[in-house]
Amino acid sequence: MEAKGVDVAEKVSASKKLGENDAKKLIRDASKIHVAKGKKLDTFDGGTAKKEIVEKMLGSTGNLRAPTIKVGKTLLVGFDEDVYDQAMG
């Protein structure tokens, strides 16, 4: 199911495991990164795949946390309703 008014450029099945190298590439391509875990939200500047950012993006299994969405140059990892509302307009 796609959100109304949102063009999806690429979908990646949850069965495809994305790990540390995938997270580093996403960080390099982003200008801003928001990582939500539970009620905690961390925000980082992108461009450099720092160890701290990569660790927060990965779950306990070592796979990229879901959902992960790229909106322009902003990367959203995990779910925070306020951040999604702001990013999606």
PDB file of N, CA and C in Angstrom:
ATOM      1  N   MET A   1       0.840  -1.182   0.000  1.00  0.00           N
ATOM      2  CA  MET A   1       0.000   0.000   0.000  1.00  0.00           C
ATOM      3  C   MET A   1       0.881   1.240   0.000  1.00  0.00           C
ATOM      4  N   GLU A   2       0.616   2.180  -0.874  1.00  0.00           N
ATOM      5  CA  GLU A   2       1.390   3.406  -0.969  1.00  0.00           C
ATOM      6  C   GLU A   2       0.588   4.572  -0.413  1.00  0.00           C
ATOM      7  N   ALA A   3       1.309   5.504   0.207  1.00  0.00           N
ATOM      8  CA  ALA A   3       0.662   6.690   0.748  1.00  0.00           C
ATOM      9  C   ALA A   3       0.172   7.561  -0.408  1.00  0.00           C
ATOM     10  N   LYS A   4      -0.965   8.172  -0.217  1.00  0.00           N
ATOM     11  CA  LYS A   4      -1.542   9.026  -1.246  1.00  0.00           C
ATOM     12  C   LYS A   4      -0.620  10.216  -1.495  1.00  0.00           C
ATOM     13  N   GLY A   5      -0.302  10.455  -2.763  1.00  0.00           N
ATOM     14  CA  GLY A   5       0.524  11.601  -3.112  1.00  0.00           C
ATOM     15  C   GLY A   5       2.021  11.362  -2.966  1.00  0.00           C
ATOM     16  N   VAL A   6       2.434  10.126  -2.687  1.00  0.00           N
ATOM     17  CA  VAL A   6       3.848   9.812  -2.521  1.00  0.00           C
ATOM     18  C   VAL A   6       4.284   8.921  -3.664  1.00  0.00           C
ATOM     19  N   ASP A   7       5.314   9.350  -4.383  1.00  0.00           N
ATOM     20  CA  ASP A   7       5.871   8.527  -5.449  1.00  0.00           C
ATOM     21  C   ASP A   7       6.980   7.662  -4.852  1.00  0.00           C
ATOM     22  N   VAL A   8       6.850   6.364  -5.004  1.00  0.00           N
ATOM     23  CA  VAL A   8       7.841   5.427  -4.490  1.00  0.00           C
ATOM     24  C   VAL A   8       8.806   5.105  -5.612  1.00  0.00           C
ATOM     25  N   ALA A   9      10.083   5.454  -5.417  1.00  0.00           N
ATOM     26  CA  ALA A   9      11.095   5.223  -6.444  1.00  0.00           C
ATOM     27  C   ALA A   9      11.596   3.793  -6.412  1.00  0.00           C
ATOM     28  N   GLU A  10      11.698   3.230  -5.214  1.00  0.00           N
ATOM     29  CA  GLU A  10      12.214   1.870  -5.083  1.00  0.00           C
ATOM     30  C   GLU A  10      11.670   1.254  -3.810  1.00  0.00           C
ATOM     31  N   LYS A  11      11.217   0.016  -3.918  1.00  0.00           N
ATOM     32  CA  LYS A  11      10.794  -0.759  -2.760  1.00  0.00           C
ATOM     33  C   LYS A  11      11.783  -1.893  -2.584  1.00  0.00           C
ATOM     34  N   VAL A  12      12.144  -2.155  -1.336  1.00  0.00           N
ATOM     35  CA  VAL A  12      13.038  -3.275  -1.047  1.00  0.00           C
ATOM     36  C   VAL A  12      12.307  -4.180  -0.075  1.00  0.00           C
ATOM     37  N   SER A  13      12.173  -5.435  -0.433  1.00  0.00           N
ATOM     38  CA  SER A  13      11.477  -6.405   0.398  1.00  0.00           C
ATOM     39  C   SER A  13      12.159  -6.535   1.758  1.00  0.00           C
ATOM     40  N   ALA A  14      11.356  -6.716   2.788  1.00  0.00           N
ATOM     41  CA  ALA A  14      11.895  -6.906   4.137  1.00  0.00           C
ATOM     42  C   ALA A  14      12.729  -8.172   4.237  1.00  0.00           C
ATOM     43  N   SER A  15      12.520  -9.106   3.326  1.00  0.00           N
ATOM     44  CA  SER A  15      13.302 -10.342   3.356  1.00  0.00           C
ATOM     45  C   SER A  15      14.733 -10.117   2.861  1.00  0.00           C
ATOM     46  N   LYS A  16      14.966  -8.995   2.158  1.00  0.00           N
ATOM     47  CA  LYS A  16      16.334  -8.664   1.743  1.00  0.00           C
ATOM     48  C   LYS A  16      17.017  -7.986   2.922  1.00  0.00           C
ATOM     49  N   LYS A  17      18.027  -8.606   3.432  1.00  0.00           N
ATOM     50  CA  LYS A  17      18.703  -8.085   4.613  1.00  0.00           C
ATOM     51  C   LYS A  17      19.712  -7.018   4.212  1.00  0.00           C
ATOM     52  N   LEU A  18      19.524  -5.812   4.735  1.00  0.00           N
ATOM     53  CA  LEU A  18      20.441  -4.707   4.493  1.00  0.00           C
ATOM     54  C   LEU A  18      21.261  -4.501   5.764  1.00  0.00           C
ATOM     55  N   GLY A  19      22.572  -4.446   5.623  1.00  0.00           N
ATOM     56  CA  GLY A  19      23.438  -4.383   6.784  1.00  0.00           C
ATOM     57  C   GLY A  19      24.281  -3.123   6.851  1.00  0.00           C
ATOM     58  N   GLU A  20      25.443  -3.262   7.478  1.00  0.00           N
ATOM     59  CA  GLU A  20      26.330  -2.134   7.763  1.00  0.00           C
ATOM     60  C   GLU A  20      26.757  -1.391   6.495  1.00  0.00           C
ATOM     61  N   ASN A  21      27.164  -2.103   5.459  1.00  0.00           N
ATOM     62  CA  ASN A  21      27.610  -1.433   4.234  1.00  0.00           C
ATOM     63  C   ASN A  21      26.484  -0.656   3.573  1.00  0.00           C
ATOM     64  N   ASP A  22      25.269  -1.199   3.615  1.00  0.00           N
ATOM     65  CA  ASP A  22      24.110  -0.493   3.062  1.00  0.00           C
ATOM     66  C   ASP A  22      23.826   0.775   3.863  1.00  0.00           C
ATOM     67  N   ALA A  23      23.933   0.684   5.188  1.00  0.00           N
ATOM     68  CA  ALA A  23      23.714   1.848   6.045  1.00  0.00           C
ATOM     69  C   ALA A  23      24.733   2.939   5.734  1.00  0.00           C
ATOM     70  N   LYS A  24      25.995   2.564   5.554  1.00  0.00           N
ATOM     71  CA  LYS A  24      27.046   3.544   5.255  1.00  0.00           C
ATOM     72  C   LYS A  24      26.766   4.273   3.941  1.00  0.00           C
ATOM     73  N   LYS A  25      26.296   3.540   2.945  1.00  0.00           N
ATOM     74  CA  LYS A  25      25.989   4.175   1.658  1.00  0.00           C
ATOM     75  C   LYS A  25      24.833   5.166   1.812  1.00  0.00           C
ATOM     76  N   LEU A  26      23.801   4.771   2.549  1.00  0.00           N
ATOM     77  CA  LEU A  26      22.662   5.663   2.768  1.00  0.00           C
ATOM     78  C   LEU A  26      23.091   6.937   3.494  1.00  0.00           C
ATOM     79  N   ILE A  27      23.995   6.797   4.465  1.00  0.00           N
ATOM     80  CA  ILE A  27      24.488   7.959   5.217  1.00  0.00           C
ATOM     81  C   ILE A  27      25.235   8.914   4.295  1.00  0.00           C
ATOM     82  N   ARG A  28      26.090   8.376   3.446  1.00  0.00           N
ATOM     83  CA  ARG A  28      26.886   9.225   2.546  1.00  0.00           C
ATOM     84  C   ARG A  28      26.001  10.021   1.595  1.00  0.00           C
ATOM     85  N   ASP A  29      24.862   9.445   1.201  1.00  0.00           N
ATOM     86  CA  ASP A  29      23.963  10.098   0.246  1.00  0.00           C
ATOM     87  C   ASP A  29      22.968  11.051   0.903  1.00  0.00           C
ATOM     88  N   ALA A  30      22.932  11.100   2.236  1.00  0.00           N
ATOM     89  CA  ALA A  30      21.932  11.906   2.956  1.00  0.00           C
ATOM     90  C   ALA A  30      22.541  13.196   3.501  1.00  0.00           C
ATOM     91  N   SER A  31      21.707  14.223   3.620  1.00  0.00           N
ATOM     92  CA  SER A  31      22.157  15.456   4.280  1.00  0.00           C
ATOM     93  C   SER A  31      21.686  15.479   5.731  1.00  0.00           C
ATOM     94  N   LYS A  32      20.581  14.801   6.018  1.00  0.00           N
ATOM     95  CA  LYS A  32      20.042  14.740   7.384  1.00  0.00           C
ATOM     96  C   LYS A  32      19.519  13.337   7.623  1.00  0.00           C
ATOM     97  N   ILE A  33      19.781  12.815   8.830  1.00  0.00           N
ATOM     98  CA  ILE A  33      19.359  11.457   9.180  1.00  0.00           C
ATOM     99  C   ILE A  33      18.616  11.509  10.503  1.00  0.00           C
ATOM    100  N   HIS A  34      17.407  10.949  10.527  1.00  0.00           N
ATOM    101  CA  HIS A  34      16.613  10.835  11.749  1.00  0.00           C
ATOM    102  C   HIS A  34      16.476   9.352  12.064  1.00  0.00           C
ATOM    103  N   VAL A  35      16.904   8.953  13.258  1.00  0.00           N
ATOM    104  CA  VAL A  35      16.818   7.553  13.665  1.00  0.00           C
ATOM    105  C   VAL A  35      15.923   7.469  14.893  1.00  0.00           C
ATOM    106  N   ALA A  36      14.793   6.776  14.757  1.00  0.00           N
ATOM    107  CA  ALA A  36      13.845   6.614  15.856  1.00  0.00           C
ATOM    108  C   ALA A  36      13.910   5.186  16.371  1.00  0.00           C
ATOM    109  N   LYS A  37      13.926   5.079  17.683  1.00  0.00           N
ATOM    110  CA  LYS A  37      13.870   3.768  18.330  1.00  0.00           C
ATOM    111  C   LYS A  37      13.011   3.942  19.575  1.00  0.00           C
ATOM    112  N   GLY A  38      11.816   3.355  19.526  1.00  0.00           N
ATOM    113  CA  GLY A  38      10.868   3.582  20.611  1.00  0.00           C
ATOM    114  C   GLY A  38      10.492   5.050  20.649  1.00  0.00           C
ATOM    115  N   LYS A  39      10.603   5.677  21.806  1.00  0.00           N
ATOM    116  CA  LYS A  39      10.276   7.103  21.932  1.00  0.00           C
ATOM    117  C   LYS A  39      11.502   7.993  21.763  1.00  0.00           C
ATOM    118  N   LYS A  40      12.668   7.388  21.539  1.00  0.00           N
ATOM    119  CA  LYS A  40      13.915   8.142  21.394  1.00  0.00           C
ATOM    120  C   LYS A  40      14.158   8.479  19.925  1.00  0.00           C
ATOM    121  N   LEU A  41      14.547   9.723  19.669  1.00  0.00           N
ATOM    122  CA  LEU A  41      14.836  10.185  18.318  1.00  0.00           C
ATOM    123  C   LEU A  41      16.212  10.833  18.304  1.00  0.00           C
ATOM    124  N   ASP A  42      17.084  10.379  17.422  1.00  0.00           N
ATOM    125  CA  ASP A  42      18.396  10.971  17.231  1.00  0.00           C
ATOM    126  C   ASP A  42      18.445  11.555  15.834  1.00  0.00           C
ATOM    127  N   THR A  43      19.039  12.743  15.704  1.00  0.00           N
ATOM    128  CA  THR A  43      19.170  13.402  14.414  1.00  0.00           C
ATOM    129  C   THR A  43      20.643  13.688  14.159  1.00  0.00           C
ATOM    130  N   PHE A  44      21.095  13.366  12.947  1.00  0.00           N
ATOM    131  CA  PHE A  44      22.488  13.522  12.567  1.00  0.00           C
ATOM    132  C   PHE A  44      22.583  14.213  11.215  1.00  0.00           C
ATOM    133  N   ASP A  45      23.734  14.843  10.966  1.00  0.00           N
ATOM    134  CA  ASP A  45      24.050  15.329   9.634  1.00  0.00           C
ATOM    135  C   ASP A  45      24.652  14.165   8.862  1.00  0.00           C
ATOM    136  N   GLY A  46      24.303  14.034   7.612  1.00  0.00           N
ATOM    137  CA  GLY A  46      24.824  12.948   6.794  1.00  0.00           C
ATOM    138  C   GLY A  46      26.145  13.315   6.153  1.00  0.00           C
ATOM    139  N   GLY A  47      26.557  12.507   5.200  1.00  0.00           N
ATOM    140  CA  GLY A  47      27.778  12.760   4.467  1.00  0.00           C
ATOM    141  C   GLY A  47      28.936  11.887   4.900  1.00  0.00           C
ATOM    142  N   THR A  48      29.017  11.602   6.182  1.00  0.00           N
ATOM    143  CA  THR A  48      30.098  10.770   6.700  1.00  0.00           C
ATOM    144  C   THR A  48      29.502   9.630   7.512  1.00  0.00           C
ATOM    145  N   ALA A  49      29.858   8.408   7.166  1.00  0.00           N
ATOM    146  CA  ALA A  49      29.316   7.222   7.833  1.00  0.00           C
ATOM    147  C   ALA A  49      30.036   6.977   9.156  1.00  0.00           C
ATOM    148  N   LYS A  50      29.691   7.760  10.157  1.00  0.00           N
ATOM    149  CA  LYS A  50      30.295   7.609  11.477  1.00  0.00           C
ATOM    150  C   LYS A  50      29.763   6.358  12.164  1.00  0.00           C
ATOM    151  N   LYS A  51      30.615   5.740  12.943  1.00  0.00           N
ATOM    152  CA  LYS A  51      30.275   4.488  13.625  1.00  0.00           C
ATOM    153  C   LYS A  51      29.004   4.640  14.470  1.00  0.00           C
ATOM    154  N   GLU A  52      28.861   5.755  15.176  1.00  0.00           N
ATOM    155  CA  GLU A  52      27.698   5.983  16.043  1.00  0.00           C
ATOM    156  C   GLU A  52      26.389   5.965  15.255  1.00  0.00           C
ATOM    157  N   ILE A  53      26.396   6.593  14.081  1.00  0.00           N
ATOM    158  CA  ILE A  53      25.185   6.645  13.266  1.00  0.00           C
ATOM    159  C   ILE A  53      24.842   5.244  12.752  1.00  0.00           C
ATOM    160  N   VAL A  54      25.840   4.542  12.245  1.00  0.00           N
ATOM    161  CA  VAL A  54      25.627   3.193  11.714  1.00  0.00           C
ATOM    162  C   VAL A  54      25.056   2.289  12.799  1.00  0.00           C
ATOM    163  N   GLU A  55      25.619   2.335  13.987  1.00  0.00           N
ATOM    164  CA  GLU A  55      25.144   1.491  15.094  1.00  0.00           C
ATOM    165  C   GLU A  55      23.692   1.766  15.433  1.00  0.00           C
ATOM    166  N   LYS A  56      23.290   3.033  15.415  1.00  0.00           N
ATOM    167  CA  LYS A  56      21.903   3.379  15.732  1.00  0.00           C
ATOM    168  C   LYS A  56      20.940   2.953  14.633  1.00  0.00           C
ATOM    169  N   MET A  57      21.423   2.902  13.383  1.00  0.00           N
ATOM    170  CA  MET A  57      20.582   2.520  12.253  1.00  0.00           C
ATOM    171  C   MET A  57      20.331   1.020  12.192  1.00  0.00           C
ATOM    172  N   LEU A  58      21.203   0.233  12.816  1.00  0.00           N
ATOM    173  CA  LEU A  58      21.091  -1.215  12.753  1.00  0.00           C
ATOM    174  C   LEU A  58      20.365  -1.764  13.973  1.00  0.00           C
ATOM    175  N   GLY A  59      19.535  -2.757  13.763  1.00  0.00           N
ATOM    176  CA  GLY A  59      18.846  -3.413  14.864  1.00  0.00           C
ATOM    177  C   GLY A  59      19.742  -4.431  15.542  1.00  0.00           C
ATOM    178  N   SER A  60      19.189  -5.155  16.486  1.00  0.00           N
ATOM    179  CA  SER A  60      19.964  -6.135  17.256  1.00  0.00           C
ATOM    180  C   SER A  60      20.480  -7.278  16.388  1.00  0.00           C
ATOM    181  N   THR A  61      19.855  -7.507  15.243  1.00  0.00           N
ATOM    182  CA  THR A  61      20.291  -8.580  14.341  1.00  0.00           C
ATOM    183  C   THR A  61      21.400  -8.123  13.399  1.00  0.00           C
ATOM    184  N   GLY A  62      21.716  -6.829  13.421  1.00  0.00           N
ATOM    185  CA  GLY A  62      22.722  -6.301  12.508  1.00  0.00           C
ATOM    186  C   GLY A  62      22.151  -5.850  11.183  1.00  0.00           C
ATOM    187  N   ASN A  63      20.837  -5.894  11.059  1.00  0.00           N
ATOM    188  CA  ASN A  63      20.161  -5.450   9.837  1.00  0.00           C
ATOM    189  C   ASN A  63      19.611  -4.042  10.029  1.00  0.00           C
ATOM    190  N   LEU A  64      19.462  -3.337   8.916  1.00  0.00           N
ATOM    191  CA  LEU A  64      18.921  -1.989   8.936  1.00  0.00           C
ATOM    192  C   LEU A  64      17.529  -1.993   9.546  1.00  0.00           C
ATOM    193  N   ARG A  65      17.302  -1.057  10.464  1.00  0.00           N
ATOM    194  CA  ARG A  65      16.001  -0.956  11.132  1.00  0.00           C
ATOM    195  C   ARG A  65      14.922  -0.570  10.112  1.00  0.00           C
ATOM    196  N   ALA A  66      13.712  -1.042  10.357  1.00  0.00           N
ATOM    197  CA  ALA A  66      12.589  -0.738   9.469  1.00  0.00           C
ATOM    198  C   ALA A  66      11.571   0.101  10.226  1.00  0.00           C
ATOM    199  N   PRO A  67      10.834   0.913   9.522  1.00  0.00           N
ATOM    200  CA  PRO A  67      11.011   1.224   8.118  1.00  0.00           C
ATOM    201  C   PRO A  67      12.187   2.177   7.917  1.00  0.00           C
ATOM    202  N   THR A  68      12.760   2.150   6.743  1.00  0.00           N
ATOM    203  CA  THR A  68      13.779   3.113   6.343  1.00  0.00           C
ATOM    204  C   THR A  68      13.295   3.764   5.063  1.00  0.00           C
ATOM    205  N   ILE A  69      13.209   5.087   5.085  1.00  0.00           N
ATOM    206  CA  ILE A  69      12.670   5.830   3.957  1.00  0.00           C
ATOM    207  C   ILE A  69      13.594   6.998   3.647  1.00  0.00           C
ATOM    208  N   LYS A  70      13.856   7.190   2.366  1.00  0.00           N
ATOM    209  CA  LYS A  70      14.642   8.331   1.917  1.00  0.00           C
ATOM    210  C   LYS A  70      13.693   9.308   1.245  1.00  0.00           C
ATOM    211  N   VAL A  71      13.628  10.522   1.771  1.00  0.00           N
ATOM    212  CA  VAL A  71      12.782  11.574   1.215  1.00  0.00           C
ATOM    213  C   VAL A  71      13.720  12.696   0.782  1.00  0.00           C
ATOM    214  N   GLY A  72      13.971  12.785  -0.517  1.00  0.00           N
ATOM    215  CA  GLY A  72      14.966  13.743  -1.001  1.00  0.00           C
ATOM    216  C   GLY A  72      16.328  13.363  -0.439  1.00  0.00           C
ATOM    217  N   LYS A  73      16.955  14.278   0.299  1.00  0.00           N
ATOM    218  CA  LYS A  73      18.258  14.027   0.918  1.00  0.00           C
ATOM    219  C   LYS A  73      18.122  13.710   2.412  1.00  0.00           C
ATOM    220  N   THR A  74      16.886  13.495   2.871  1.00  0.00           N
ATOM    221  CA  THR A  74      16.632  13.173   4.275  1.00  0.00           C
ATOM    222  C   THR A  74      16.365  11.684   4.412  1.00  0.00           C
ATOM    223  N   LEU A  75      17.004  11.071   5.407  1.00  0.00           N
ATOM    224  CA  LEU A  75      16.850   9.644   5.660  1.00  0.00           C
ATOM    225  C   LEU A  75      16.101   9.445   6.968  1.00  0.00           C
ATOM    226  N   LEU A  76      15.026   8.661   6.922  1.00  0.00           N
ATOM    227  CA  LEU A  76      14.222   8.359   8.099  1.00  0.00           C
ATOM    228  C   LEU A  76      14.383   6.875   8.411  1.00  0.00           C
ATOM    229  N   VAL A  77      14.877   6.564   9.607  1.00  0.00           N
ATOM    230  CA  VAL A  77      15.099   5.177  10.013  1.00  0.00           C
ATOM    231  C   VAL A  77      14.285   4.938  11.275  1.00  0.00           C
ATOM    232  N   GLY A  78      13.465   3.880  11.272  1.00  0.00           N
ATOM    233  CA  GLY A  78      12.536   3.677  12.378  1.00  0.00           C
ATOM    234  C   GLY A  78      11.340   4.589  12.159  1.00  0.00           C
ATOM    235  N   PHE A  79      10.428   4.626  13.116  1.00  0.00           N
ATOM    236  CA  PHE A  79       9.214   5.419  12.917  1.00  0.00           C
ATOM    237  C   PHE A  79       9.011   6.417  14.038  1.00  0.00           C
ATOM    238  N   ASP A  80       8.863   7.682  13.652  1.00  0.00           N
ATOM    239  CA  ASP A  80       8.478   8.770  14.549  1.00  0.00           C
ATOM    240  C   ASP A  80       7.437   9.597  13.804  1.00  0.00           C
ATOM    241  N   GLU A  81       6.214   9.605  14.303  1.00  0.00           N
ATOM    242  CA  GLU A  81       5.100  10.237  13.593  1.00  0.00           C
ATOM    243  C   GLU A  81       5.369  11.701  13.254  1.00  0.00           C
ATOM    244  N   ASP A  82       5.916  12.468  14.197  1.00  0.00           N
ATOM    245  CA  ASP A  82       6.171  13.889  13.944  1.00  0.00           C
ATOM    246  C   ASP A  82       7.186  14.091  12.824  1.00  0.00           C
ATOM    247  N   VAL A  83       8.249  13.296  12.820  1.00  0.00           N
ATOM    248  CA  VAL A  83       9.272  13.406  11.782  1.00  0.00           C
ATOM    249  C   VAL A  83       8.685  13.023  10.425  1.00  0.00           C
ATOM    250  N   TYR A  84       7.889  11.964  10.385  1.00  0.00           N
ATOM    251  CA  TYR A  84       7.262  11.555   9.120  1.00  0.00           C
ATOM    252  C   TYR A  84       6.326  12.637   8.617  1.00  0.00           C
ATOM    253  N   ASP A  85       5.509  13.203   9.496  1.00  0.00           N
ATOM    254  CA  ASP A  85       4.590  14.270   9.086  1.00  0.00           C
ATOM    255  C   ASP A  85       5.365  15.442   8.493  1.00  0.00           C
ATOM    256  N   GLN A  86       6.459  15.818   9.141  1.00  0.00           N
ATOM    257  CA  GLN A  86       7.274  16.942   8.672  1.00  0.00           C
ATOM    258  C   GLN A  86       7.928  16.617   7.328  1.00  0.00           C
ATOM    259  N   ALA A  87       8.477  15.424   7.194  1.00  0.00           N
ATOM    260  CA  ALA A  87       9.184  15.048   5.959  1.00  0.00           C
ATOM    261  C   ALA A  87       8.240  14.855   4.794  1.00  0.00           C
ATOM    262  N   MET A  88       7.045  14.336   5.062  1.00  0.00           N
ATOM    263  CA  MET A  88       6.095  14.046   3.983  1.00  0.00           C
ATOM    264  C   MET A  88       5.203  15.230   3.649  1.00  0.00           C
ATOM    265  N   GLY A  89       5.283  16.273   4.482  1.00  0.00           N
ATOM    266  CA  GLY A  89       4.498  17.478   4.208  1.00  0.00           C
ATOM    267  C   GLY A  89       3.125  17.290   4.636  1.00  0.00           C
TER     268      GLY A  89
END
